[in-house]
Amino acid sequence: MKELIECIAKALVDHPEAVHVTETVDEQMITVALSVDAEDKGKVIGKQGRIVKAIRSVAYAAATNQNKRVRIDIV
């Protein structure tokens, strides 16, 4: 899951070297913290949160194979 989110985020931002993803896995939950450069936060969130909603949709689809829930936080 970490690699998927990192790949998507690096494709969206101007400073891909500043993208950091941390993943915490519990029994039923995967928590992903996405950290980007301050200038790139708007690009990851998108207008009215459309981009981050799309990223979350992809992550939810990938997590259903593992029978887990996903939470993505932008730090």
PDB file of N, CA and C in Angstrom:
ATOM      1  N   MET A   1       0.823  -1.184   0.000  1.00  0.00           N
ATOM      2  CA  MET A   1       0.000   0.000   0.000  1.00  0.00           C
ATOM      3  C   MET A   1       0.880   1.266   0.000  1.00  0.00           C
ATOM      4  N   LYS A   2       1.942   1.223   0.765  1.00  0.00           N
ATOM      5  CA  LYS A   2       2.847   2.362   0.871  1.00  0.00           C
ATOM      6  C   LYS A   2       3.426   2.731  -0.491  1.00  0.00           C
ATOM      7  N   GLU A   3       3.846   1.741  -1.254  1.00  0.00           N
ATOM      8  CA  GLU A   3       4.442   1.985  -2.557  1.00  0.00           C
ATOM      9  C   GLU A   3       3.425   2.573  -3.534  1.00  0.00           C
ATOM     10  N   LEU A   4       2.192   2.127  -3.449  1.00  0.00           N
ATOM     11  CA  LEU A   4       1.133   2.619  -4.327  1.00  0.00           C
ATOM     12  C   LEU A   4       0.879   4.104  -4.084  1.00  0.00           C
ATOM     13  N   ILE A   5       0.704   4.485  -2.833  1.00  0.00           N
ATOM     14  CA  ILE A   5       0.440   5.881  -2.495  1.00  0.00           C
ATOM     15  C   ILE A   5       1.638   6.755  -2.847  1.00  0.00           C
ATOM     16  N   GLU A   6       2.827   6.254  -2.594  1.00  0.00           N
ATOM     17  CA  GLU A   6       4.039   7.015  -2.893  1.00  0.00           C
ATOM     18  C   GLU A   6       4.188   7.242  -4.396  1.00  0.00           C
ATOM     19  N   CYS A   7       3.901   6.256  -5.189  1.00  0.00           N
ATOM     20  CA  CYS A   7       4.004   6.369  -6.640  1.00  0.00           C
ATOM     21  C   CYS A   7       3.009   7.399  -7.184  1.00  0.00           C
ATOM     22  N   ILE A   8       1.782   7.356  -6.701  1.00  0.00           N
ATOM     23  CA  ILE A   8       0.757   8.305  -7.140  1.00  0.00           C
ATOM     24  C   ILE A   8       1.141   9.723  -6.730  1.00  0.00           C
ATOM     25  N   ALA A   9       1.578   9.898  -5.483  1.00  0.00           N
ATOM     26  CA  ALA A   9       1.911  11.227  -4.983  1.00  0.00           C
ATOM     27  C   ALA A   9       3.106  11.819  -5.719  1.00  0.00           C
ATOM     28  N   LYS A  10       4.121  11.021  -6.003  1.00  0.00           N
ATOM     29  CA  LYS A  10       5.302  11.527  -6.704  1.00  0.00           C
ATOM     30  C   LYS A  10       4.966  11.976  -8.121  1.00  0.00           C
ATOM     31  N   ALA A  11       3.972  11.363  -8.732  1.00  0.00           N
ATOM     32  CA  ALA A  11       3.575  11.751 -10.074  1.00  0.00           C
ATOM     33  C   ALA A  11       2.825  13.087 -10.083  1.00  0.00           C
ATOM     34  N   LEU A  12       2.255  13.470  -8.960  1.00  0.00           N
ATOM     35  CA  LEU A  12       1.448  14.684  -8.897  1.00  0.00           C
ATOM     36  C   LEU A  12       2.229  15.943  -8.526  1.00  0.00           C
ATOM     37  N   VAL A  13       3.300  15.809  -7.783  1.00  0.00           N
ATOM     38  CA  VAL A  13       3.963  16.969  -7.178  1.00  0.00           C
ATOM     39  C   VAL A  13       5.138  17.485  -8.001  1.00  0.00           C
ATOM     40  N   ASP A  14       5.584  18.714  -7.669  1.00  0.00           N
ATOM     41  CA  ASP A  14       6.756  19.300  -8.317  1.00  0.00           C
ATOM     42  C   ASP A  14       8.050  18.891  -7.627  1.00  0.00           C
ATOM     43  N   HIS A  15       7.963  18.522  -6.340  1.00  0.00           N
ATOM     44  CA  HIS A  15       9.134  18.119  -5.558  1.00  0.00           C
ATOM     45  C   HIS A  15       8.972  16.667  -5.098  1.00  0.00           C
ATOM     46  N   PRO A  16       9.201  15.700  -5.987  1.00  0.00           N
ATOM     47  CA  PRO A  16       8.991  14.293  -5.609  1.00  0.00           C
ATOM     48  C   PRO A  16       9.958  13.796  -4.542  1.00  0.00           C
ATOM     49  N   GLU A  17      11.102  14.462  -4.395  1.00  0.00           N
ATOM     50  CA  GLU A  17      12.048  14.038  -3.368  1.00  0.00           C
ATOM     51  C   GLU A  17      11.545  14.357  -1.967  1.00  0.00           C
ATOM     52  N   ALA A  18      10.551  15.234  -1.842  1.00  0.00           N
ATOM     53  CA  ALA A  18      10.010  15.618  -0.542  1.00  0.00           C
ATOM     54  C   ALA A  18       8.826  14.748  -0.112  1.00  0.00           C
ATOM     55  N   VAL A  19       8.456  13.772  -0.937  1.00  0.00           N
ATOM     56  CA  VAL A  19       7.328  12.900  -0.603  1.00  0.00           C
ATOM     57  C   VAL A  19       7.793  11.798   0.341  1.00  0.00           C
ATOM     58  N   HIS A  20       7.131  11.698   1.488  1.00  0.00           N
ATOM     59  CA  HIS A  20       7.437  10.654   2.463  1.00  0.00           C
ATOM     60  C   HIS A  20       6.123   9.986   2.874  1.00  0.00           C
ATOM     61  N   VAL A  21       6.126   8.667   2.871  1.00  0.00           N
ATOM     62  CA  VAL A  21       4.934   7.904   3.235  1.00  0.00           C
ATOM     63  C   VAL A  21       5.295   6.957   4.367  1.00  0.00           C
ATOM     64  N   THR A  22       4.500   6.997   5.432  1.00  0.00           N
ATOM     65  CA  THR A  22       4.664   6.038   6.520  1.00  0.00           C
ATOM     66  C   THR A  22       3.384   5.239   6.648  1.00  0.00           C
ATOM     67  N   GLU A  23       3.542   3.974   6.956  1.00  0.00           N
ATOM     68  CA  GLU A  23       2.409   3.057   6.995  1.00  0.00           C
ATOM     69  C   GLU A  23       2.388   2.326   8.333  1.00  0.00           C
ATOM     70  N   THR A  24       1.212   2.283   8.944  1.00  0.00           N
ATOM     71  CA  THR A  24       1.009   1.546  10.178  1.00  0.00           C
ATOM     72  C   THR A  24      -0.087   0.520   9.930  1.00  0.00           C
ATOM     73  N   VAL A  25       0.200  -0.735  10.212  1.00  0.00           N
ATOM     74  CA  VAL A  25      -0.760  -1.804   9.942  1.00  0.00           C
ATOM     75  C   VAL A  25      -1.234  -2.404  11.263  1.00  0.00           C
ATOM     76  N   ASP A  26      -2.543  -2.436  11.439  1.00  0.00           N
ATOM     77  CA  ASP A  26      -3.167  -3.099  12.579  1.00  0.00           C
ATOM     78  C   ASP A  26      -3.893  -4.331  12.063  1.00  0.00           C
ATOM     79  N   GLU A  27      -4.692  -4.952  12.919  1.00  0.00           N
ATOM     80  CA  GLU A  27      -5.405  -6.159  12.510  1.00  0.00           C
ATOM     81  C   GLU A  27      -6.409  -5.871  11.401  1.00  0.00           C
ATOM     82  N   GLN A  28      -7.150  -4.766  11.521  1.00  0.00           N
ATOM     83  CA  GLN A  28      -8.188  -4.475  10.532  1.00  0.00           C
ATOM     84  C   GLN A  28      -8.002  -3.147   9.816  1.00  0.00           C
ATOM     85  N   MET A  29      -6.952  -2.399  10.134  1.00  0.00           N
ATOM     86  CA  MET A  29      -6.795  -1.056   9.598  1.00  0.00           C
ATOM     87  C   MET A  29      -5.370  -0.810   9.117  1.00  0.00           C
ATOM     88  N   ILE A  30      -5.263  -0.137   7.989  1.00  0.00           N
ATOM     89  CA  ILE A  30      -3.987   0.334   7.475  1.00  0.00           C
ATOM     90  C   ILE A  30      -4.051   1.858   7.507  1.00  0.00           C
ATOM     91  N   THR A  31      -3.146   2.483   8.251  1.00  0.00           N
ATOM     92  CA  THR A  31      -3.086   3.937   8.340  1.00  0.00           C
ATOM     93  C   THR A  31      -1.860   4.408   7.577  1.00  0.00           C
ATOM     94  N   VAL A  32      -2.084   5.295   6.617  1.00  0.00           N
ATOM     95  CA  VAL A  32      -1.012   5.813   5.776  1.00  0.00           C
ATOM     96  C   VAL A  32      -0.913   7.314   6.007  1.00  0.00           C
ATOM     97  N   ALA A  33       0.280   7.786   6.353  1.00  0.00           N
ATOM     98  CA  ALA A  33       0.529   9.215   6.522  1.00  0.00           C
ATOM     99  C   ALA A  33       1.364   9.691   5.341  1.00  0.00           C
ATOM    100  N   LEU A  34       0.822  10.629   4.589  1.00  0.00           N
ATOM    101  CA  LEU A  34       1.485  11.161   3.399  1.00  0.00           C
ATOM    102  C   LEU A  34       1.986  12.561   3.712  1.00  0.00           C
ATOM    103  N   SER A  35       3.290  12.762   3.556  1.00  0.00           N
ATOM    104  CA  SER A  35       3.901  14.061   3.807  1.00  0.00           C
ATOM    105  C   SER A  35       4.503  14.571   2.507  1.00  0.00           C
ATOM    106  N   VAL A  36       4.134  15.805   2.124  1.00  0.00           N
ATOM    107  CA  VAL A  36       4.655  16.418   0.905  1.00  0.00           C
ATOM    108  C   VAL A  36       5.184  17.808   1.232  1.00  0.00           C
ATOM    109  N   ASP A  37       5.874  18.417   0.279  1.00  0.00           N
ATOM    110  CA  ASP A  37       6.369  19.782   0.432  1.00  0.00           C
ATOM    111  C   ASP A  37       5.181  20.733   0.595  1.00  0.00           C
ATOM    112  N   ALA A  38       5.387  21.819   1.303  1.00  0.00           N
ATOM    113  CA  ALA A  38       4.308  22.773   1.568  1.00  0.00           C
ATOM    114  C   ALA A  38       3.719  23.346   0.281  1.00  0.00           C
ATOM    115  N   GLU A  39       4.544  23.531  -0.737  1.00  0.00           N
ATOM    116  CA  GLU A  39       4.054  24.056  -2.017  1.00  0.00           C
ATOM    117  C   GLU A  39       3.185  23.049  -2.766  1.00  0.00           C
ATOM    118  N   ASP A  40       3.347  21.766  -2.471  1.00  0.00           N
ATOM    119  CA  ASP A  40       2.655  20.721  -3.220  1.00  0.00           C
ATOM    120  C   ASP A  40       1.381  20.216  -2.542  1.00  0.00           C
ATOM    121  N   LYS A  41       1.065  20.707  -1.359  1.00  0.00           N
ATOM    122  CA  LYS A  41      -0.124  20.217  -0.660  1.00  0.00           C
ATOM    123  C   LYS A  41      -1.392  20.436  -1.461  1.00  0.00           C
ATOM    124  N   GLY A  42      -1.502  21.589  -2.089  1.00  0.00           N
ATOM    125  CA  GLY A  42      -2.686  21.889  -2.894  1.00  0.00           C
ATOM    126  C   GLY A  42      -2.836  20.956  -4.089  1.00  0.00           C
ATOM    127  N   LYS A  43      -1.721  20.533  -4.652  1.00  0.00           N
ATOM    128  CA  LYS A  43      -1.774  19.625  -5.796  1.00  0.00           C
ATOM    129  C   LYS A  43      -2.231  18.238  -5.378  1.00  0.00           C
ATOM    130  N   VAL A  44      -1.863  17.816  -4.173  1.00  0.00           N
ATOM    131  CA  VAL A  44      -2.266  16.497  -3.692  1.00  0.00           C
ATOM    132  C   VAL A  44      -3.727  16.507  -3.254  1.00  0.00           C
ATOM    133  N   ILE A  45      -4.173  17.621  -2.689  1.00  0.00           N
ATOM    134  CA  ILE A  45      -5.556  17.709  -2.224  1.00  0.00           C
ATOM    135  C   ILE A  45      -6.499  17.977  -3.392  1.00  0.00           C
ATOM    136  N   GLY A  46      -6.156  18.914  -4.257  1.00  0.00           N
ATOM    137  CA  GLY A  46      -6.986  19.227  -5.414  1.00  0.00           C
ATOM    138  C   GLY A  46      -8.146  20.128  -5.057  1.00  0.00           C
ATOM    139  N   LYS A  47      -8.847  20.612  -6.077  1.00  0.00           N
ATOM    140  CA  LYS A  47     -10.009  21.465  -5.847  1.00  0.00           C
ATOM    141  C   LYS A  47     -11.097  20.668  -5.155  1.00  0.00           C
ATOM    142  N   GLN A  48     -11.563  21.200  -4.040  1.00  0.00           N
ATOM    143  CA  GLN A  48     -12.610  20.577  -3.225  1.00  0.00           C
ATOM    144  C   GLN A  48     -12.251  19.146  -2.826  1.00  0.00           C
ATOM    145  N   GLY A  49     -10.951  18.829  -2.790  1.00  0.00           N
ATOM    146  CA  GLY A  49     -10.505  17.525  -2.337  1.00  0.00           C
ATOM    147  C   GLY A  49     -10.679  16.403  -3.336  1.00  0.00           C
ATOM    148  N   ARG A  50     -10.826  16.733  -4.598  1.00  0.00           N
ATOM    149  CA  ARG A  50     -11.086  15.701  -5.612  1.00  0.00           C
ATOM    150  C   ARG A  50      -9.911  14.749  -5.804  1.00  0.00           C
ATOM    151  N   ILE A  51      -8.690  15.276  -5.794  1.00  0.00           N
ATOM    152  CA  ILE A  51      -7.515  14.429  -6.021  1.00  0.00           C
ATOM    153  C   ILE A  51      -7.332  13.457  -4.874  1.00  0.00           C
ATOM    154  N   VAL A  52      -7.409  13.962  -3.636  1.00  0.00           N
ATOM    155  CA  VAL A  52      -7.223  13.078  -2.482  1.00  0.00           C
ATOM    156  C   VAL A  52      -8.361  12.057  -2.390  1.00  0.00           C
ATOM    157  N   LYS A  53      -9.551  12.422  -2.819  1.00  0.00           N
ATOM    158  CA  LYS A  53     -10.659  11.453  -2.854  1.00  0.00           C
ATOM    159  C   LYS A  53     -10.366  10.335  -3.846  1.00  0.00           C
ATOM    160  N   ALA A  54      -9.775  10.695  -4.987  1.00  0.00           N
ATOM    161  CA  ALA A  54      -9.429   9.682  -5.984  1.00  0.00           C
ATOM    162  C   ALA A  54      -8.322   8.768  -5.466  1.00  0.00           C
ATOM    163  N   ILE A  55      -7.339   9.348  -4.772  1.00  0.00           N
ATOM    164  CA  ILE A  55      -6.267   8.532  -4.187  1.00  0.00           C
ATOM    165  C   ILE A  55      -6.841   7.577  -3.158  1.00  0.00           C
ATOM    166  N   ARG A  56      -7.756   8.074  -2.338  1.00  0.00           N
ATOM    167  CA  ARG A  56      -8.388   7.219  -1.327  1.00  0.00           C
ATOM    168  C   ARG A  56      -9.206   6.106  -1.974  1.00  0.00           C
ATOM    169  N   SER A  57      -9.887   6.401  -3.075  1.00  0.00           N
ATOM    170  CA  SER A  57     -10.674   5.369  -3.771  1.00  0.00           C
ATOM    171  C   SER A  57      -9.780   4.247  -4.286  1.00  0.00           C
ATOM    172  N   VAL A  58      -8.632   4.601  -4.835  1.00  0.00           N
ATOM    173  CA  VAL A  58      -7.690   3.593  -5.319  1.00  0.00           C
ATOM    174  C   VAL A  58      -7.161   2.766  -4.153  1.00  0.00           C
ATOM    175  N   ALA A  59      -6.862   3.444  -3.036  1.00  0.00           N
ATOM    176  CA  ALA A  59      -6.356   2.740  -1.861  1.00  0.00           C
ATOM    177  C   ALA A  59      -7.412   1.808  -1.277  1.00  0.00           C
ATOM    178  N   TYR A  60      -8.673   2.252  -1.245  1.00  0.00           N
ATOM    179  CA  TYR A  60      -9.750   1.400  -0.744  1.00  0.00           C
ATOM    180  C   TYR A  60      -9.890   0.150  -1.598  1.00  0.00           C
ATOM    181  N   ALA A  61      -9.794   0.315  -2.923  1.00  0.00           N
ATOM    182  CA  ALA A  61      -9.910  -0.832  -3.823  1.00  0.00           C
ATOM    183  C   ALA A  61      -8.755  -1.813  -3.606  1.00  0.00           C
ATOM    184  N   ALA A  62      -7.558  -1.287  -3.391  1.00  0.00           N
ATOM    185  CA  ALA A  62      -6.405  -2.155  -3.157  1.00  0.00           C
ATOM    186  C   ALA A  62      -6.503  -2.857  -1.807  1.00  0.00           C
ATOM    187  N   ALA A  63      -7.115  -2.223  -0.835  1.00  0.00           N
ATOM    188  CA  ALA A  63      -7.212  -2.802   0.508  1.00  0.00           C
ATOM    189  C   ALA A  63      -8.281  -3.885   0.606  1.00  0.00           C
ATOM    190  N   THR A  64      -9.244  -3.890  -0.288  1.00  0.00           N
ATOM    191  CA  THR A  64     -10.284  -4.913  -0.220  1.00  0.00           C
ATOM    192  C   THR A  64      -9.714  -6.303  -0.477  1.00  0.00           C
ATOM    193  N   ASN A  65      -8.610  -6.383  -1.205  1.00  0.00           N
ATOM    194  CA  ASN A  65      -7.964  -7.671  -1.422  1.00  0.00           C
ATOM    195  C   ASN A  65      -7.390  -8.230  -0.133  1.00  0.00           C
ATOM    196  N   GLN A  66      -7.042  -7.345   0.809  1.00  0.00           N
ATOM    197  CA  GLN A  66      -6.458  -7.755   2.074  1.00  0.00           C
ATOM    198  C   GLN A  66      -7.492  -7.809   3.194  1.00  0.00           C
ATOM    199  N   ASN A  67      -8.746  -7.513   2.880  1.00  0.00           N
ATOM    200  CA  ASN A  67      -9.835  -7.464   3.868  1.00  0.00           C
ATOM    201  C   ASN A  67      -9.514  -6.511   5.014  1.00  0.00           C
ATOM    202  N   LYS A  68      -9.008  -5.328   4.657  1.00  0.00           N
ATOM    203  CA  LYS A  68      -8.675  -4.311   5.646  1.00  0.00           C
ATOM    204  C   LYS A  68      -9.239  -2.973   5.205  1.00  0.00           C
ATOM    205  N   ARG A  69      -9.337  -2.037   6.157  1.00  0.00           N
ATOM    206  CA  ARG A  69      -9.759  -0.683   5.864  1.00  0.00           C
ATOM    207  C   ARG A  69      -8.527   0.202   5.764  1.00  0.00           C
ATOM    208  N   VAL A  70      -8.654   1.305   5.038  1.00  0.00           N
ATOM    209  CA  VAL A  70      -7.524   2.206   4.831  1.00  0.00           C
ATOM    210  C   VAL A  70      -7.892   3.607   5.286  1.00  0.00           C
ATOM    211  N   ARG A  71      -6.926   4.261   5.924  1.00  0.00           N
ATOM    212  CA  ARG A  71      -7.080   5.658   6.287  1.00  0.00           C
ATOM    213  C   ARG A  71      -5.848   6.399   5.783  1.00  0.00           C
ATOM    214  N   ILE A  72      -6.053   7.441   4.995  1.00  0.00           N
ATOM    215  CA  ILE A  72      -4.947   8.220   4.441  1.00  0.00           C
ATOM    216  C   ILE A  72      -4.994   9.621   5.046  1.00  0.00           C
ATOM    217  N   ASP A  73      -3.913  10.004   5.706  1.00  0.00           N
ATOM    218  CA  ASP A  73      -3.785  11.327   6.301  1.00  0.00           C
ATOM    219  C   ASP A  73      -2.709  12.094   5.568  1.00  0.00           C
ATOM    220  N   ILE A  74      -3.000  13.357   5.223  1.00  0.00           N
ATOM    221  CA  ILE A  74      -1.988  14.212   4.608  1.00  0.00           C
ATOM    222  C   ILE A  74      -1.423  15.092   5.707  1.00  0.00           C
ATOM    223  N   VAL A  75      -0.129  14.930   5.948  1.00  0.00           N
ATOM    224  CA  VAL A  75       0.532  15.630   7.049  1.00  0.00           C
ATOM    225  C   VAL A  75       1.206  16.872   6.520  1.00  0.00           C
TER     226      VAL A  75
END
